[in-house]
Amino acid sequence: MSRLINLFQTQTSKVLNVYCTAGYPKLNSTLEVMESLQANGAHIIELGMPYSDPLADGEVIQESSHIALSNGMTIEVLFEQLSSMRDRIHIPVVLMGYMNPILQYGFEAFCKKAKEVGVDGLILPDLPLFEFENIYGKTIKANELDFIFLVTPETPEERLRKLDSLSTGFLYAVSSSATTGKDKDFSKVALYLQKLQAMKLKNPVLVGFGIKDKASFDAVTAYSNGAIIGSAYINALSKGDAVATTTAQFLKSVLN
């Protein structure tokens, strides 16, 4: 049984998935950040692979990607850092990124290495549905990686059900059609999430984009299995205080 399936069987509500950028704030911060997230109550770590043109990401995450790339982060370096990850990290870890650097690394080699180091799943926003079904999905499945599709309030119901049928682990519900880190009107988001709830989807639903504090976390988890926080956490790390202290304070402010 995958770590994600096991998690959602034991934790059906208020699941917290925290996004962090590999190689940020410093090149060797990756595992320190991950351990701090695990120690302070995160249920899933979404580890961003920095890329020079991250289409779905807002300014905060784009800047963290830029800094991580300047620090020397690459897919090769990331896999080296994660080689002993499972000695210390026991919660699910999902890699989030974009196709271009993965294709340069080699898609099959990437999936094999991800499995080898103990990665649980992938979020690749620019992998088209057709290419997933006809080219890449077999390799992902063969390496026992979950694949998480994104849906938005504008996704037609037929396509939404299709993406749900192909997703494993969970379904990523984007709160609105904007980049990450933007403030949201959560009264409108609630209507969208109630619609998803009524559809009785196969996968648990985690909500992302604009979740930044206890109020927004509680607002979306009233109608979903959990939420994804990214920009607000990266913003907290950017202040330059110790990773462990920053992470403990940030997660306490969201969960307590």
Protein backbone atom coordinates (compact mmCIF):
# COMPACT_ATOMS: atom_id res chain seq x y z
CA MET A 1 0.00 0.00 0.00
CA SER A 2 1.38 3.43 -0.94
CA ARG A 3 2.16 5.96 1.76
CA LEU A 4 -0.47 8.33 0.32
CA ILE A 5 -3.24 5.72 0.39
CA ASN A 6 -2.23 4.74 3.90
CA LEU A 7 -2.28 8.39 5.01
CA PHE A 8 -5.78 9.07 3.70
CA GLN A 9 -7.10 5.89 5.29
CA THR A 10 -5.93 7.07 8.70
CA GLN A 11 -6.33 10.85 8.27
CA THR A 12 -9.51 11.69 6.37
CA SER A 13 -9.69 15.42 7.17
CA LYS A 14 -7.43 18.43 7.70
CA VAL A 15 -4.52 16.85 5.85
CA LEU A 16 -1.76 19.44 5.51
CA ASN A 17 0.50 19.25 2.46
CA VAL A 18 3.32 21.82 2.59
CA TYR A 19 5.22 22.87 -0.51
CA CYS A 20 8.93 23.68 -0.24
CA THR A 21 11.46 24.40 -2.97
CA ALA A 22 14.41 22.00 -3.16
CA GLY A 23 17.66 23.85 -2.57
CA TYR A 24 15.99 26.79 -0.80
CA PRO A 25 16.88 28.87 1.12
CA LYS A 26 20.32 27.26 0.73
CA LEU A 27 21.45 24.42 -1.51
CA ASN A 28 21.76 22.01 1.42
CA SER A 29 18.54 23.13 3.15
CA THR A 30 16.36 20.51 1.46
CA LEU A 31 16.43 17.74 4.07
CA GLU A 32 16.55 20.19 6.98
CA VAL A 33 13.33 21.80 5.73
CA MET A 34 11.71 18.40 5.13
CA GLU A 35 12.62 17.14 8.62
CA SER A 36 11.28 20.35 10.17
CA LEU A 37 7.99 20.00 8.29
CA GLN A 38 7.62 16.38 9.39
CA ALA A 39 8.46 17.21 13.02
CA ASN A 40 5.89 20.00 13.20
CA GLY A 41 2.79 18.30 11.82
CA ALA A 42 2.88 18.33 8.03
CA HIS A 43 1.24 15.18 6.65
CA ILE A 44 2.70 15.42 3.11
CA ILE A 45 5.76 17.20 1.74
CA GLU A 46 5.42 18.59 -1.78
CA LEU A 47 8.98 19.15 -2.91
CA GLY A 48 9.31 21.60 -5.76
CA MET A 49 12.00 21.01 -8.35
CA PRO A 50 13.11 24.53 -9.32
CA TYR A 51 12.64 25.55 -12.94
CA SER A 52 13.35 28.80 -14.76
CA ASP A 53 9.81 29.14 -16.19
CA PRO A 54 7.32 27.81 -13.60
CA LEU A 55 3.99 28.64 -15.25
CA ALA A 56 1.65 27.89 -12.34
CA ASP A 57 3.72 29.58 -9.66
CA GLY A 58 3.39 33.09 -8.30
CA GLU A 59 6.18 35.53 -7.53
CA VAL A 60 7.19 34.07 -4.16
CA ILE A 61 7.74 30.53 -5.45
CA GLN A 62 9.29 31.83 -8.69
CA GLU A 63 11.83 33.77 -6.62
CA SER A 64 12.59 30.71 -4.47
CA SER A 65 13.14 28.70 -7.66
CA HIS A 66 15.48 31.36 -9.00
CA ILE A 67 17.49 31.34 -5.76
CA ALA A 68 17.59 27.52 -5.66
CA LEU A 69 18.86 27.37 -9.26
CA SER A 70 21.47 30.02 -8.42
CA ASN A 71 22.47 27.89 -5.42
CA GLY A 72 23.22 25.04 -7.84
CA MET A 73 20.12 22.87 -7.47
CA THR A 74 19.54 20.40 -10.31
CA ILE A 75 17.60 17.13 -10.56
CA GLU A 76 20.92 15.25 -10.18
CA VAL A 77 21.79 17.16 -7.01
CA LEU A 78 18.26 16.67 -5.66
CA PHE A 79 18.39 12.89 -6.08
CA GLU A 80 21.79 12.87 -4.33
CA GLN A 81 20.25 14.79 -1.43
CA LEU A 82 17.27 12.41 -1.29
CA SER A 83 19.36 9.22 -1.47
CA SER A 84 19.14 8.68 2.30
CA MET A 85 15.79 10.46 2.74
CA ARG A 86 13.88 7.41 3.97
CA ASP A 87 16.27 6.96 6.90
CA ARG A 88 14.66 10.09 8.36
CA ILE A 89 11.51 11.03 6.45
CA HIS A 90 8.52 8.76 7.00
CA ILE A 91 5.63 10.84 5.62
CA PRO A 92 4.66 10.90 1.92
CA VAL A 93 6.88 12.97 -0.38
CA VAL A 94 5.58 14.21 -3.74
CA LEU A 95 7.80 15.87 -6.35
CA MET A 96 6.26 18.86 -8.12
CA GLY A 97 7.81 20.26 -11.26
CA TYR A 98 7.74 20.80 -14.99
CA MET A 99 8.40 18.51 -17.91
CA ASN A 100 11.31 20.30 -19.60
CA PRO A 101 14.07 19.52 -17.06
CA ILE A 102 12.68 16.01 -16.52
CA LEU A 103 12.80 15.26 -20.25
CA GLN A 104 16.38 16.58 -20.34
CA TYR A 105 17.24 14.20 -17.48
CA GLY A 106 15.35 11.35 -19.21
CA PHE A 107 11.77 10.56 -18.20
CA GLU A 108 12.25 6.86 -17.54
CA ALA A 109 15.53 7.44 -15.67
CA PHE A 110 13.79 10.13 -13.60
CA CYS A 111 10.92 7.86 -12.59
CA LYS A 112 13.28 4.99 -11.73
CA LYS A 113 15.43 7.26 -9.58
CA ALA A 114 12.38 8.79 -7.88
CA LYS A 115 11.18 5.31 -6.92
CA GLU A 116 14.68 4.30 -5.79
CA VAL A 117 15.02 7.22 -3.33
CA GLY A 118 11.50 6.73 -1.94
CA VAL A 119 9.42 9.41 -3.66
CA ASP A 120 5.70 8.63 -3.52
CA GLY A 121 4.18 10.65 -6.34
CA LEU A 122 4.46 13.34 -9.00
CA ILE A 123 2.67 16.60 -9.77
CA LEU A 124 3.55 17.83 -13.27
CA PRO A 125 1.13 20.64 -14.21
CA ASP A 126 2.33 20.87 -17.83
CA LEU A 127 2.03 17.15 -18.65
CA PRO A 128 -1.03 17.02 -20.97
CA LEU A 129 -3.71 14.41 -20.36
CA PHE A 130 -3.25 12.87 -23.83
CA GLU A 131 0.50 12.44 -23.35
CA PHE A 132 -0.03 10.99 -19.87
CA GLU A 133 -2.43 8.39 -21.24
CA ASN A 134 -0.46 7.50 -24.35
CA ILE A 135 3.20 8.03 -23.48
CA TYR A 136 4.24 8.73 -19.89
CA GLY A 137 1.58 7.17 -17.67
CA LYS A 138 2.87 3.61 -18.18
CA THR A 139 6.35 4.57 -16.98
CA ILE A 140 4.95 6.38 -13.94
CA LYS A 141 2.81 3.38 -13.03
CA ALA A 142 5.62 0.89 -13.67
CA ASN A 143 7.71 2.73 -11.08
CA GLU A 144 4.87 2.65 -8.52
CA LEU A 145 4.58 6.44 -8.40
CA ASP A 146 1.24 8.10 -7.75
CA PHE A 147 0.30 10.81 -10.23
CA ILE A 148 -1.75 13.79 -9.12
CA PHE A 149 -3.74 15.82 -11.66
CA LEU A 150 -4.86 19.40 -11.09
CA VAL A 151 -8.47 20.54 -11.58
CA THR A 152 -9.86 24.09 -11.49
CA PRO A 153 -13.31 25.66 -11.10
CA GLU A 154 -13.40 25.89 -14.90
CA THR A 155 -12.70 22.19 -15.52
CA PRO A 156 -15.81 20.66 -17.20
CA GLU A 157 -17.41 17.83 -15.23
CA GLU A 158 -16.65 15.17 -17.84
CA ARG A 159 -12.96 16.09 -17.90
CA LEU A 160 -12.88 16.38 -14.11
CA ARG A 161 -14.19 12.84 -13.73
CA LYS A 162 -11.63 11.65 -16.28
CA LEU A 163 -8.76 13.30 -14.37
CA ASP A 164 -10.09 11.84 -11.12
CA SER A 165 -10.17 8.36 -12.68
CA LEU A 166 -6.53 8.65 -13.78
CA SER A 167 -5.18 10.32 -10.62
CA THR A 168 -3.86 8.23 -7.75
CA GLY A 169 -2.97 9.46 -4.28
CA PHE A 170 -5.19 12.53 -4.34
CA LEU A 171 -6.72 15.13 -6.64
CA TYR A 172 -5.28 18.66 -6.53
CA ALA A 173 -8.14 21.18 -6.59
CA VAL A 174 -6.83 24.60 -7.60
CA SER A 175 -8.95 27.14 -5.70
CA SER A 176 -9.18 29.49 -8.69
CA SER A 177 -7.61 30.00 -12.10
CA ALA A 178 -4.67 32.11 -10.99
CA THR A 179 -1.09 31.60 -9.97
CA THR A 180 -0.07 30.50 -6.49
CA GLY A 181 0.13 33.00 -3.66
CA LYS A 182 -2.82 35.22 -4.60
CA ASP A 183 -5.51 36.16 -2.08
CA LYS A 184 -8.79 34.36 -2.67
CA ASP A 185 -12.48 34.93 -1.96
CA PHE A 186 -13.14 31.74 -0.04
CA SER A 187 -16.93 32.14 -0.12
CA LYS A 188 -16.71 31.48 -3.88
CA VAL A 189 -14.19 28.69 -3.35
CA ALA A 190 -16.60 27.02 -0.90
CA LEU A 191 -19.27 26.68 -3.62
CA TYR A 192 -16.73 25.02 -5.92
CA LEU A 193 -15.58 22.63 -3.20
CA GLN A 194 -19.18 21.75 -2.29
CA LYS A 195 -19.71 20.84 -5.95
CA LEU A 196 -16.63 18.56 -5.86
CA GLN A 197 -17.91 16.99 -2.63
CA ALA A 198 -21.26 16.23 -4.26
CA MET A 199 -19.54 14.45 -7.16
CA LYS A 200 -18.36 11.61 -4.87
CA LEU A 201 -14.93 11.49 -6.49
CA LYS A 202 -12.62 8.47 -6.30
CA ASN A 203 -9.71 10.39 -4.82
CA PRO A 204 -9.32 12.51 -1.69
CA VAL A 205 -9.28 16.21 -2.59
CA LEU A 206 -6.58 18.64 -1.44
CA VAL A 207 -7.05 22.34 -2.16
CA GLY A 208 -4.20 24.60 -3.20
CA PHE A 209 -3.46 28.19 -4.29
CA GLY A 210 -4.09 30.97 -1.77
CA ILE A 211 -4.11 28.89 1.41
CA LYS A 212 -1.87 30.81 3.78
CA ASP A 213 -3.03 30.65 7.41
CA LYS A 214 -5.40 28.98 9.87
CA ALA A 215 -8.46 30.87 8.58
CA SER A 216 -7.96 29.86 4.94
CA PHE A 217 -6.90 26.32 5.92
CA ASP A 218 -10.06 25.86 8.01
CA ALA A 219 -12.22 27.44 5.29
CA VAL A 220 -11.22 24.97 2.57
CA THR A 221 -10.88 21.89 4.75
CA ALA A 222 -14.53 22.26 5.75
CA TYR A 223 -15.34 20.92 2.26
CA SER A 224 -12.25 18.85 1.38
CA ASN A 225 -9.80 16.35 2.81
CA GLY A 226 -7.05 18.89 3.23
CA ALA A 227 -5.05 21.76 1.81
CA ILE A 228 -1.72 22.65 0.26
CA ILE A 229 0.28 25.62 1.54
CA GLY A 230 3.24 26.88 -0.46
CA SER A 231 3.88 30.59 -0.94
CA ALA A 232 3.11 31.55 2.67
CA TYR A 233 5.62 29.01 3.98
CA ILE A 234 8.30 30.02 1.44
CA ASN A 235 7.67 33.63 2.44
CA ALA A 236 8.24 32.73 6.09
CA LEU A 237 11.53 30.97 5.23
CA SER A 238 12.66 34.02 3.23
CA LYS A 239 12.89 36.11 6.41
CA GLY A 240 16.21 34.40 7.13
CA ASP A 241 15.53 32.97 10.60
CA ALA A 242 16.50 29.39 11.49
CA VAL A 243 14.59 26.81 9.45
CA ALA A 244 13.51 24.79 12.50
CA THR A 245 12.20 27.85 14.37
CA THR A 246 10.43 29.32 11.33
CA THR A 247 8.79 26.00 10.45
CA ALA A 248 7.62 25.31 14.00
CA GLN A 249 6.08 28.78 14.32
CA PHE A 250 4.46 28.69 10.89
CA LEU A 251 2.87 25.25 11.21
CA LYS A 252 1.68 25.99 14.75
CA SER A 253 -0.07 29.12 13.45
CA VAL A 254 -1.89 27.03 10.81
CA LEU A 255 -2.76 23.90 12.79
CA ASN A 256 -3.45 25.24 16.30
